[in-house]
C-alpha atoms as a PDB file:
ATOM      1  CA  MET A   1      19.734  43.666   8.801  1.00  0.00           C
ATOM      2  CA  GLY A   2      20.463  40.048   9.615  1.00  0.00           C
ATOM      3  CA  VAL A   3      17.524  39.662  12.036  1.00  0.00           C
ATOM      4  CA  MET A   4      15.117  41.450   9.690  1.00  0.00           C
ATOM      5  CA  GLY A   5      16.324  39.315   6.804  1.00  0.00           C
ATOM      6  CA  CYS A   6      15.605  36.137   8.784  1.00  0.00           C
ATOM      7  CA  VAL A   7      12.120  37.371   9.710  1.00  0.00           C
ATOM      8  CA  LEU A   8      11.339  38.247   6.059  1.00  0.00           C
ATOM      9  CA  PHE A   9      12.722  34.917   4.946  1.00  0.00           C
ATOM     10  CA  CYS A  10      10.624  32.801   7.343  1.00  0.00           C
ATOM     11  CA  GLY A  11       7.490  34.900   6.896  1.00  0.00           C
ATOM     12  CA  GLY A  12       7.754  34.880   3.138  1.00  0.00           C
ATOM     13  CA  LEU A  13       8.250  31.146   2.896  1.00  0.00           C
ATOM     14  CA  ALA A  14       5.184  30.611   5.081  1.00  0.00           C
ATOM     15  CA  ALA A  15       3.091  32.893   2.846  1.00  0.00           C
ATOM     16  CA  ALA A  16       4.465  31.186  -0.268  1.00  0.00           C
ATOM     17  CA  GLN A  17       2.902  27.857   0.699  1.00  0.00           C
ATOM     18  CA  VAL A  18      -0.616  29.167   0.021  1.00  0.00           C
ATOM     19  CA  THR A  19      -2.012  27.990  -3.321  1.00  0.00           C
ATOM     20  CA  PRO A  20      -5.196  29.936  -4.046  1.00  0.00           C
ATOM     21  CA  ALA A  21      -7.848  28.086  -6.048  1.00  0.00           C
ATOM     22  CA  ASP A  22     -10.555  30.725  -6.405  1.00  0.00           C
ATOM     23  CA  THR A  23     -11.162  33.388  -9.057  1.00  0.00           C
ATOM     24  CA  THR A  24      -8.484  35.675  -7.561  1.00  0.00           C
ATOM     25  CA  TYR A  25      -5.849  32.987  -8.145  1.00  0.00           C
ATOM     26  CA  ARG A  26      -3.635  35.013 -10.456  1.00  0.00           C
ATOM     27  CA  ILE A  27      -3.620  38.128  -8.311  1.00  0.00           C
ATOM     28  CA  ARG A  28      -2.727  36.117  -5.227  1.00  0.00           C
ATOM     29  CA  TYR A  29      -0.156  34.258  -7.264  1.00  0.00           C
ATOM     30  CA  HIS A  30       1.620  37.504  -8.070  1.00  0.00           C
ATOM     31  CA  TRP A  31       1.603  38.582  -4.451  1.00  0.00           C
ATOM     32  CA  THR A  32       2.862  35.177  -3.367  1.00  0.00           C
ATOM     33  CA  GLU A  33       5.730  35.286  -5.825  1.00  0.00           C
ATOM     34  CA  ALA A  34       6.633  38.873  -4.910  1.00  0.00           C
ATOM     35  CA  VAL A  35       6.581  38.206  -1.168  1.00  0.00           C
ATOM     36  CA  GLY A  36       8.399  34.888  -1.525  1.00  0.00           C
ATOM     37  CA  SER A  37      11.133  36.444  -3.636  1.00  0.00           C
ATOM     38  CA  ALA A  38      11.451  39.368  -1.228  1.00  0.00           C
ATOM     39  CA  ALA A  39      11.797  36.852   1.604  1.00  0.00           C
ATOM     40  CA  LEU A  40      14.594  35.052  -0.238  1.00  0.00           C
ATOM     41  CA  PHE A  41      16.430  38.307  -0.798  1.00  0.00           C
ATOM     42  CA  GLY A  42      16.003  39.049   2.888  1.00  0.00           C
ATOM     43  CA  GLY A  43      17.566  35.664   3.643  1.00  0.00           C
ATOM     44  CA  TYR A  44      20.371  36.481   1.265  1.00  0.00           C
ATOM     45  CA  PHE A  45      21.220  39.708   3.112  1.00  0.00           C
ATOM     46  CA  ALA A  46      20.943  37.919   6.429  1.00  0.00           C
ATOM     47  CA  LEU A  47      23.449  35.317   5.241  1.00  0.00           C
ATOM     48  CA  ARG A  48      25.835  38.019   4.000  1.00  0.00           C
ATOM     49  CA  SER A  49      25.882  39.519   7.478  1.00  0.00           C
ATOM     50  CA  LEU A  50      27.132  36.241   8.945  1.00  0.00           C
ATOM     51  CA  GLY A  51      30.447  36.163   7.089  1.00  0.00           C
ATOM     52  CA  PRO A  52      32.223  33.056   5.796  1.00  0.00           C
ATOM     53  CA  ARG A  53      33.399  30.180   7.925  1.00  0.00           C
ATOM     54  CA  GLN A  54      37.026  31.176   7.291  1.00  0.00           C
ATOM     55  CA  ARG A  55      38.134  34.806   7.644  1.00  0.00           C
ATOM     56  CA  GLU A  56      41.892  34.465   7.328  1.00  0.00           C
ATOM     57  CA  GLY A  57      44.486  32.636   5.315  1.00  0.00           C
ATOM     58  CA  THR A  58      45.773  33.115   1.777  1.00  0.00           C
ATOM     59  CA  ALA A  59      45.131  31.465  -1.529  1.00  0.00           C
ATOM     60  CA  PRO A  60      47.757  29.033  -2.846  1.00  0.00           C
ATOM     61  CA  SER A  61      50.168  30.438  -5.417  1.00  0.00           C
ATOM     62  CA  ASP A  62      49.055  28.399  -8.416  1.00  0.00           C
ATOM     63  CA  GLY A  63      49.841  30.758 -11.249  1.00  0.00           C
ATOM     64  CA  VAL A  64      46.461  32.614 -11.329  1.00  0.00           C
ATOM     65  CA  VAL A  65      47.902  36.077 -10.994  1.00  0.00           C
ATOM     66  CA  GLN A  66      46.157  38.890 -12.808  1.00  0.00           C
ATOM     67  CA  TRP A  67      44.312  42.081 -12.021  1.00  0.00           C
ATOM     68  CA  ASP A  68      42.141  43.972 -14.499  1.00  0.00           C
ATOM     69  CA  PRO A  69      39.735  46.609 -13.107  1.00  0.00           C
ATOM     70  CA  VAL A  70      38.256  47.137 -16.596  1.00  0.00           C
ATOM     71  CA  ALA A  71      37.289  43.459 -16.793  1.00  0.00           C
ATOM     72  CA  ALA A  72      35.753  43.761 -13.343  1.00  0.00           C
ATOM     73  CA  ALA A  73      33.654  46.751 -14.443  1.00  0.00           C
ATOM     74  CA  TYR A  74      32.335  44.924 -17.520  1.00  0.00           C
ATOM     75  CA  SER A  75      31.556  41.826 -15.470  1.00  0.00           C
ATOM     76  CA  ASP A  76      29.510  44.005 -13.104  1.00  0.00           C
ATOM     77  CA  LEU A  77      27.300  45.080 -16.006  1.00  0.00           C
ATOM     78  CA  LEU A  78      26.756  41.426 -16.881  1.00  0.00           C
ATOM     79  CA  GLY A  79      26.191  39.981 -13.423  1.00  0.00           C
ATOM     80  CA  ASP A  80      25.478  42.681 -10.805  1.00  0.00           C
ATOM     81  CA  PRO A  81      21.920  44.107 -10.653  1.00  0.00           C
ATOM     82  CA  ARG A  82      23.243  47.096  -8.708  1.00  0.00           C
ATOM     83  CA  SER A  83      25.620  48.259 -11.416  1.00  0.00           C
ATOM     84  CA  GLY A  84      25.128  50.799 -14.198  1.00  0.00           C
ATOM     85  CA  LEU A  85      22.236  52.554 -12.445  1.00  0.00           C
ATOM     86  CA  GLY A  86      20.035  49.622 -13.416  1.00  0.00           C
ATOM     87  CA  PHE A  87      21.254  49.385 -16.991  1.00  0.00           C
ATOM     88  CA  ASN A  88      22.724  45.934 -16.678  1.00  0.00           C
ATOM     89  CA  VAL A  89      21.950  42.454 -17.962  1.00  0.00           C
ATOM     90  CA  PRO A  90      19.990  41.095 -14.948  1.00  0.00           C
ATOM     91  CA  VAL A  91      17.688  44.114 -14.682  1.00  0.00           C
ATOM     92  CA  LEU A  92      17.217  44.655 -18.416  1.00  0.00           C
ATOM     93  CA  THR A  93      16.517  40.938 -18.982  1.00  0.00           C
ATOM     94  CA  THR A  94      13.940  40.831 -16.202  1.00  0.00           C
ATOM     95  CA  VAL A  95      12.154  43.922 -17.496  1.00  0.00           C
ATOM     96  CA  GLY A  96      12.549  42.902 -21.125  1.00  0.00           C
ATOM     97  CA  ILE A  97      11.011  39.434 -20.783  1.00  0.00           C
ATOM     98  CA  GLY A  98       8.038  41.022 -19.019  1.00  0.00           C
ATOM     99  CA  LEU A  99       7.541  43.658 -21.687  1.00  0.00           C
ATOM    100  CA  PHE A 100       7.878  41.083 -24.466  1.00  0.00           C
ATOM    101  CA  ALA A 101       5.356  38.703 -22.908  1.00  0.00           C
ATOM    102  CA  GLY A 102       2.958  41.484 -22.005  1.00  0.00           C
ATOM    103  CA  MET A 103       2.920  42.969 -25.506  1.00  0.00           C
ATOM    104  CA  THR A 104       2.888  39.607 -27.284  1.00  0.00           C
ATOM    105  CA  ASP A 105       0.015  38.242 -25.188  1.00  0.00           C
ATOM    106  CA  ASP A 106      -1.680  41.638 -24.858  1.00  0.00           C
ATOM    107  CA  SER A 107      -1.800  40.984 -21.143  1.00  0.00           C
ATOM    108  CA  THR A 108      -0.265  42.963 -18.316  1.00  0.00           C
ATOM    109  CA  ARG A 109      -0.608  39.958 -16.028  1.00  0.00           C
ATOM    110  CA  SER A 110       1.358  37.792 -18.427  1.00  0.00           C
ATOM    111  CA  GLY A 111       4.178  40.327 -18.465  1.00  0.00           C
ATOM    112  CA  ILE A 112       4.246  40.559 -14.676  1.00  0.00           C
ATOM    113  CA  THR A 113       4.236  36.775 -14.382  1.00  0.00           C
ATOM    114  CA  HIS A 114       7.212  36.322 -16.661  1.00  0.00           C
ATOM    115  CA  SER A 115       9.231  38.984 -14.825  1.00  0.00           C
ATOM    116  CA  LEU A 116       8.354  37.539 -11.408  1.00  0.00           C
ATOM    117  CA  ILE A 117       9.529  34.082 -12.449  1.00  0.00           C
ATOM    118  CA  VAL A 118      12.937  35.503 -13.427  1.00  0.00           C
ATOM    119  CA  VAL A 119      13.088  37.433 -10.147  1.00  0.00           C
ATOM    120  CA  GLU A 120      12.335  34.221  -8.250  1.00  0.00           C
ATOM    121  CA  ALA A 121      15.128  32.391 -10.097  1.00  0.00           C
ATOM    122  CA  VAL A 122      17.535  35.223  -9.228  1.00  0.00           C
ATOM    123  CA  ALA A 123      16.459  35.147  -5.562  1.00  0.00           C
ATOM    124  CA  VAL A 124      16.866  31.389  -5.216  1.00  0.00           C
ATOM    125  CA  ASN A 125      20.234  31.594  -6.926  1.00  0.00           C
ATOM    126  CA  ALA A 126      21.410  34.422  -4.652  1.00  0.00           C
ATOM    127  CA  VAL A 127      20.597  32.510  -1.482  1.00  0.00           C
ATOM    128  CA  THR A 128      22.092  29.251  -2.766  1.00  0.00           C
ATOM    129  CA  THR A 129      25.289  30.930  -3.992  1.00  0.00           C
ATOM    130  CA  GLU A 130      25.760  32.771  -0.699  1.00  0.00           C
ATOM    131  CA  ILE A 131      25.305  29.599   1.347  1.00  0.00           C
ATOM    132  CA  LEU A 132      27.944  27.828  -0.736  1.00  0.00           C
ATOM    133  CA  LYS A 133      30.302  30.774  -0.408  1.00  0.00           C
ATOM    134  CA  LEU A 134      29.959  30.725   3.381  1.00  0.00           C
ATOM    135  CA  VAL A 135      30.477  26.983   3.657  1.00  0.00           C
ATOM    136  CA  ILE A 136      33.352  26.631   1.177  1.00  0.00           C
ATOM    137  CA  SER A 137      35.122  29.843   2.252  1.00  0.00           C
ATOM    138  CA  ARG A 138      37.680  29.729  -0.531  1.00  0.00           C
ATOM    139  CA  PRO A 139      40.203  32.608  -0.521  1.00  0.00           C
ATOM    140  CA  ARG A 140      40.186  34.751  -3.660  1.00  0.00           C
ATOM    141  CA  PRO A 141      43.260  34.758  -5.903  1.00  0.00           C
ATOM    142  CA  TYR A 142      44.318  38.201  -4.747  1.00  0.00           C
ATOM    143  CA  THR A 143      44.966  36.918  -1.234  1.00  0.00           C
ATOM    144  CA  SER A 144      47.925  34.833  -2.433  1.00  0.00           C
ATOM    145  CA  ASP A 145      51.492  35.884  -1.708  1.00  0.00           C
ATOM    146  CA  GLU A 146      52.275  35.622  -5.413  1.00  0.00           C
ATOM    147  CA  PHE A 147      49.529  38.126  -6.273  1.00  0.00           C
ATOM    148  CA  GLN A 148      50.526  40.529  -3.534  1.00  0.00           C
ATOM    149  CA  ASN A 149      54.089  40.533  -4.816  1.00  0.00           C
ATOM    150  CA  ALA A 150      52.957  41.079  -8.415  1.00  0.00           C
ATOM    151  CA  TYR A 151      50.296  43.742  -7.770  1.00  0.00           C
ATOM    152  CA  PRO A 152      51.120  45.628  -4.552  1.00  0.00           C
ATOM    153  CA  GLN A 153      49.045  48.589  -5.762  1.00  0.00           C
ATOM    154  CA  ALA A 154      45.969  46.374  -6.024  1.00  0.00           C
ATOM    155  CA  VAL A 155      46.446  44.909  -2.550  1.00  0.00           C
ATOM    156  CA  VAL A 156      46.295  48.352  -0.938  1.00  0.00           C
ATOM    157  CA  SER A 157      43.294  49.458  -2.994  1.00  0.00           C
ATOM    158  CA  THR A 158      40.111  50.403  -1.185  1.00  0.00           C
ATOM    159  CA  GLU A 159      38.188  47.564  -2.790  1.00  0.00           C
ATOM    160  CA  VAL A 160      40.575  44.810  -1.725  1.00  0.00           C
ATOM    161  CA  GLN A 161      41.086  46.172   1.754  1.00  0.00           C
ATOM    162  CA  ALA A 162      37.352  46.495   2.316  1.00  0.00           C
ATOM    163  CA  SER A 163      36.797  42.888   1.249  1.00  0.00           C
ATOM    164  CA  MET A 164      38.882  41.730   4.198  1.00  0.00           C
ATOM    165  CA  THR A 165      36.732  43.506   6.785  1.00  0.00           C
ATOM    166  CA  GLU A 166      33.311  42.989   8.353  1.00  0.00           C
ATOM    167  CA  GLU A 167      31.992  46.007   6.399  1.00  0.00           C
ATOM    168  CA  GLY A 168      32.956  44.188   3.206  1.00  0.00           C
ATOM    169  CA  HIS A 169      31.356  40.938   4.461  1.00  0.00           C
ATOM    170  CA  PHE A 170      34.781  39.279   4.375  1.00  0.00           C
ATOM    171  CA  SER A 171      34.255  38.677   0.671  1.00  0.00           C
ATOM    172  CA  ALA A 172      37.995  38.015   0.228  1.00  0.00           C
ATOM    173  CA  TRP A 173      37.141  34.483   1.407  1.00  0.00           C
ATOM    174  CA  LYS A 174      34.089  33.979  -0.813  1.00  0.00           C
ATOM    175  CA  SER A 175      35.649  32.947  -4.082  1.00  0.00           C
ATOM    176  CA  MET A 176      33.666  29.731  -4.715  1.00  0.00           C
ATOM    177  CA  PRO A 177      31.247  29.891  -6.504  1.00  0.00           C
ATOM    178  CA  SER A 178      31.301  33.051  -8.618  1.00  0.00           C
ATOM    179  CA  GLY A 179      28.251  35.123  -7.722  1.00  0.00           C
ATOM    180  CA  HIS A 180      28.403  37.275 -10.866  1.00  0.00           C
ATOM    181  CA  THR A 181      28.531  34.222 -13.102  1.00  0.00           C
ATOM    182  CA  SER A 182      25.717  32.408 -11.341  1.00  0.00           C
ATOM    183  CA  MET A 183      23.611  35.591 -11.424  1.00  0.00           C
ATOM    184  CA  THR A 184      24.049  36.008 -15.165  1.00  0.00           C
ATOM    185  CA  ALA A 185      23.281  32.331 -15.776  1.00  0.00           C
ATOM    186  CA  ALA A 186      20.181  32.261 -13.525  1.00  0.00           C
ATOM    187  CA  THR A 187      18.750  35.374 -15.140  1.00  0.00           C
ATOM    188  CA  LEU A 188      19.390  34.494 -18.748  1.00  0.00           C
ATOM    189  CA  PHE A 189      18.635  30.768 -18.587  1.00  0.00           C
ATOM    190  CA  SER A 190      15.334  31.342 -16.783  1.00  0.00           C
ATOM    191  CA  ALA A 191      14.357  33.896 -19.449  1.00  0.00           C
ATOM    192  CA  ALA A 192      15.480  31.528 -22.233  1.00  0.00           C
ATOM    193  CA  THR A 193      13.412  28.697 -20.735  1.00  0.00           C
ATOM    194  CA  LEU A 194      10.329  30.891 -20.547  1.00  0.00           C
ATOM    195  CA  LEU A 195      10.764  31.770 -24.184  1.00  0.00           C
ATOM    196  CA  ALA A 196      11.214  28.124 -25.085  1.00  0.00           C
ATOM    197  CA  MET A 197       7.990  27.173 -23.276  1.00  0.00           C
ATOM    198  CA  ARG A 198       5.933  29.698 -25.213  1.00  0.00           C
ATOM    199  CA  GLY A 199       5.592  27.422 -28.213  1.00  0.00           C
ATOM    200  CA  PRO A 200       7.359  25.371 -30.876  1.00  0.00           C
ATOM    201  CA  GLN A 201       9.815  28.021 -32.101  1.00  0.00           C
ATOM    202  CA  PRO A 202      13.164  26.175 -32.420  1.00  0.00           C
ATOM    203  CA  MET A 203      15.031  29.185 -33.756  1.00  0.00           C
ATOM    204  CA  VAL A 204      13.930  31.417 -30.889  1.00  0.00           C
ATOM    205  CA  SER A 205      14.720  28.780 -28.249  1.00  0.00           C
ATOM    206  CA  THR A 206      18.118  27.955 -29.756  1.00  0.00           C
ATOM    207  CA  THR A 207      19.072  31.622 -30.043  1.00  0.00           C
ATOM    208  CA  ALA A 208      17.956  32.374 -26.498  1.00  0.00           C
ATOM    209  CA  TYR A 209      19.958  29.520 -24.995  1.00  0.00           C
ATOM    210  CA  CYS A 210      23.012  30.344 -27.102  1.00  0.00           C
ATOM    211  CA  VAL A 211      22.944  33.986 -25.986  1.00  0.00           C
ATOM    212  CA  ALA A 212      22.512  32.853 -22.352  1.00  0.00           C
ATOM    213  CA  GLY A 213      25.471  30.503 -22.627  1.00  0.00           C
ATOM    214  CA  ALA A 214      27.680  33.026 -24.376  1.00  0.00           C
ATOM    215  CA  LEU A 215      27.041  35.847 -21.915  1.00  0.00           C
ATOM    216  CA  THR A 216      27.455  33.501 -18.966  1.00  0.00           C
ATOM    217  CA  ALA A 217      30.807  32.335 -20.333  1.00  0.00           C
ATOM    218  CA  THR A 218      31.831  35.942 -20.990  1.00  0.00           C
ATOM    219  CA  THR A 219      30.992  36.893 -17.410  1.00  0.00           C
ATOM    220  CA  GLY A 220      33.080  34.006 -16.061  1.00  0.00           C
ATOM    221  CA  TYR A 221      36.008  34.895 -18.310  1.00  0.00           C
ATOM    222  CA  LEU A 222      35.917  38.545 -17.163  1.00  0.00           C
ATOM    223  CA  ARG A 223      35.796  37.535 -13.487  1.00  0.00           C
ATOM    224  CA  VAL A 224      38.938  35.428 -13.925  1.00  0.00           C
ATOM    225  CA  GLN A 225      40.637  38.226 -15.877  1.00  0.00           C
ATOM    226  CA  ALA A 226      39.705  40.650 -13.110  1.00  0.00           C
ATOM    227  CA  GLY A 227      41.692  38.528 -10.657  1.00  0.00           C
ATOM    228  CA  VAL A 228      38.796  37.843  -8.270  1.00  0.00           C
ATOM    229  CA  HIS A 229      38.012  34.221  -9.187  1.00  0.00           C
ATOM    230  CA  TYR A 230      39.612  30.981 -10.288  1.00  0.00           C
ATOM    231  CA  PRO A 231      38.337  29.168 -13.406  1.00  0.00           C
ATOM    232  CA  GLY A 232      36.761  26.538 -11.169  1.00  0.00           C
ATOM    233  CA  ASP A 233      34.781  29.216  -9.324  1.00  0.00           C
ATOM    234  CA  VAL A 234      33.156  30.512 -12.478  1.00  0.00           C
ATOM    235  CA  ALA A 235      32.506  27.008 -13.836  1.00  0.00           C
ATOM    236  CA  VAL A 236      30.590  26.068 -10.672  1.00  0.00           C
ATOM    237  CA  GLY A 237      28.774  29.423 -10.697  1.00  0.00           C
ATOM    238  CA  ALA A 238      27.713  28.905 -14.318  1.00  0.00           C
ATOM    239  CA  MET A 239      26.378  25.411 -13.714  1.00  0.00           C
ATOM    240  CA  LEU A 240      24.619  26.450 -10.534  1.00  0.00           C
ATOM    241  CA  GLY A 241      22.923  29.495 -12.071  1.00  0.00           C
ATOM    242  CA  ALA A 242      21.915  27.677 -15.245  1.00  0.00           C
ATOM    243  CA  THR A 243      20.446  24.771 -13.284  1.00  0.00           C
ATOM    244  CA  ILE A 244      18.422  27.064 -11.028  1.00  0.00           C
ATOM    245  CA  GLY A 245      17.289  29.258 -13.929  1.00  0.00           C
ATOM    246  CA  VAL A 246      16.067  26.357 -16.042  1.00  0.00           C
ATOM    247  CA  GLY A 247      14.618  24.571 -12.999  1.00  0.00           C
ATOM    248  CA  ILE A 248      12.604  27.471 -11.593  1.00  0.00           C
ATOM    249  CA  ALA A 249      11.247  28.504 -14.993  1.00  0.00           C
ATOM    250  CA  GLY A 250      10.465  24.872 -15.859  1.00  0.00           C
ATOM    251  CA  LEU A 251       8.690  24.356 -12.540  1.00  0.00           C
ATOM    252  CA  HIS A 252       6.289  27.155 -13.419  1.00  0.00           C
ATOM    253  CA  GLY A 253       5.354  25.382 -16.612  1.00  0.00           C
ATOM    254  CA  VAL A 254       4.499  22.045 -15.067  1.00  0.00           C
ATOM    255  CA  PHE A 255       0.973  20.702 -14.758  1.00  0.00           C
ATOM    256  CA  VAL A 256       0.111  18.909 -11.544  1.00  0.00           C
ATOM    257  CA  GLY A 257      -2.781  16.551 -11.789  1.00  0.00           C
ATOM    258  CA  GLY A 258      -3.923  13.765 -14.067  1.00  0.00           C
ATOM    259  CA  ASP A 259      -1.193  12.449 -16.292  1.00  0.00           C
ATOM    260  CA  GLN A 260      -0.104  15.858 -17.582  1.00  0.00           C
ATOM    261  CA  THR A 261       3.357  16.447 -16.225  1.00  0.00           C
ATOM    262  CA  HIS A 262       4.943  18.234 -19.132  1.00  0.00           C
ATOM    263  CA  ALA A 263       5.798  21.892 -19.732  1.00  0.00           C
ATOM    264  CA  THR A 264       3.496  23.838 -21.980  1.00  0.00           C
ATOM    265  CA  SER A 265       3.506  27.327 -23.306  1.00  0.00           C
ATOM    266  CA  GLU A 266      -0.032  27.910 -21.983  1.00  0.00           C
ATOM    267  CA  SER A 267       1.124  27.576 -18.371  1.00  0.00           C
ATOM    268  CA  VAL A 268       3.013  30.882 -18.504  1.00  0.00           C
ATOM    269  CA  MET A 269       0.638  32.953 -20.600  1.00  0.00           C
ATOM    270  CA  GLY A 270      -1.274  34.917 -18.029  1.00  0.00           C
ATOM    271  CA  ASP A 271      -4.930  35.255 -18.995  1.00  0.00           C
ATOM    272  CA  ARG A 272      -5.088  32.312 -21.372  1.00  0.00           C
ATOM    273  CA  GLU A 273      -6.847  29.034 -20.650  1.00  0.00           C
ATOM    274  CA  VAL A 274      -4.526  27.445 -18.117  1.00  0.00           C
ATOM    275  CA  SER A 275      -3.922  28.878 -14.647  1.00  0.00           C
ATOM    276  CA  LEU A 276      -0.408  29.786 -13.657  1.00  0.00           C
ATOM    277  CA  LEU A 277       1.822  27.616 -11.512  1.00  0.00           C
ATOM    278  CA  ARG A 278      -0.176  25.032  -9.592  1.00  0.00           C
ATOM    279  CA  LEU A 279       2.922  24.729  -7.423  1.00  0.00           C
ATOM    280  CA  SER A 280       2.657  28.361  -6.372  1.00  0.00           C
ATOM    281  CA  GLY A 281       5.548  29.328  -4.181  1.00  0.00           C
ATOM    282  CA  HIS A 282       6.819  25.834  -3.415  1.00  0.00           C
ATOM    283  CA  TRP A 283      10.583  26.238  -3.754  1.00  0.00           C
END
């Protein structure tokens, strides 16, 4: 998996550098975005197979001692695309923004474009988050002696034990930053930014960003309540995901050329006057 992930990553990035300028621009753009995002996900899985820099040691006993499996389950629905058989916030948001744009613009290409931009933001966020996890290698709260004394039943659970093995990618030492929180933020803030760029609709933009912020904060709170992250982990995850989400979506709305360097709603509207993303695939 690691070798294949590296191959996909390198190959996809090479393909993503092509910026078609002919009449098939939009079709090639979609393929470029799809392949580039797939390559990033391949890189993400390759990184996961490496394991963190540190694979032993315990977290300091600093008073963060709690364990709530229910909170963990709810946080999965907010920040894990694999949860709920696809009925979760990342998947539903990605599909929803595409359906909304496609129906509003009466353009299938517009819908696909919007969804692909969110997918790209998620992919970039996944790789960035995993790299930081591997480098920082911060032990999760449940590795502390204080936690193990307070929740012995949790320590022997299948989930915790698996997280300390190669099969579980040694995730017990991947506390910083919170992947669930950064995933929620990247998904929702990229979608909110796309909505904001569609035109001067202050109420829509404000509502979208407020919902993104509220659900991101909720995800972070639940991850701390679940006992798998410290408050600092989720704060960093939220800022990281929000920055990537806004940045990737904003990049797709930027004109390159002349003195037009501002975002416009036309740049993400599929078949309308302006071509999509002159910076095609340049991460």
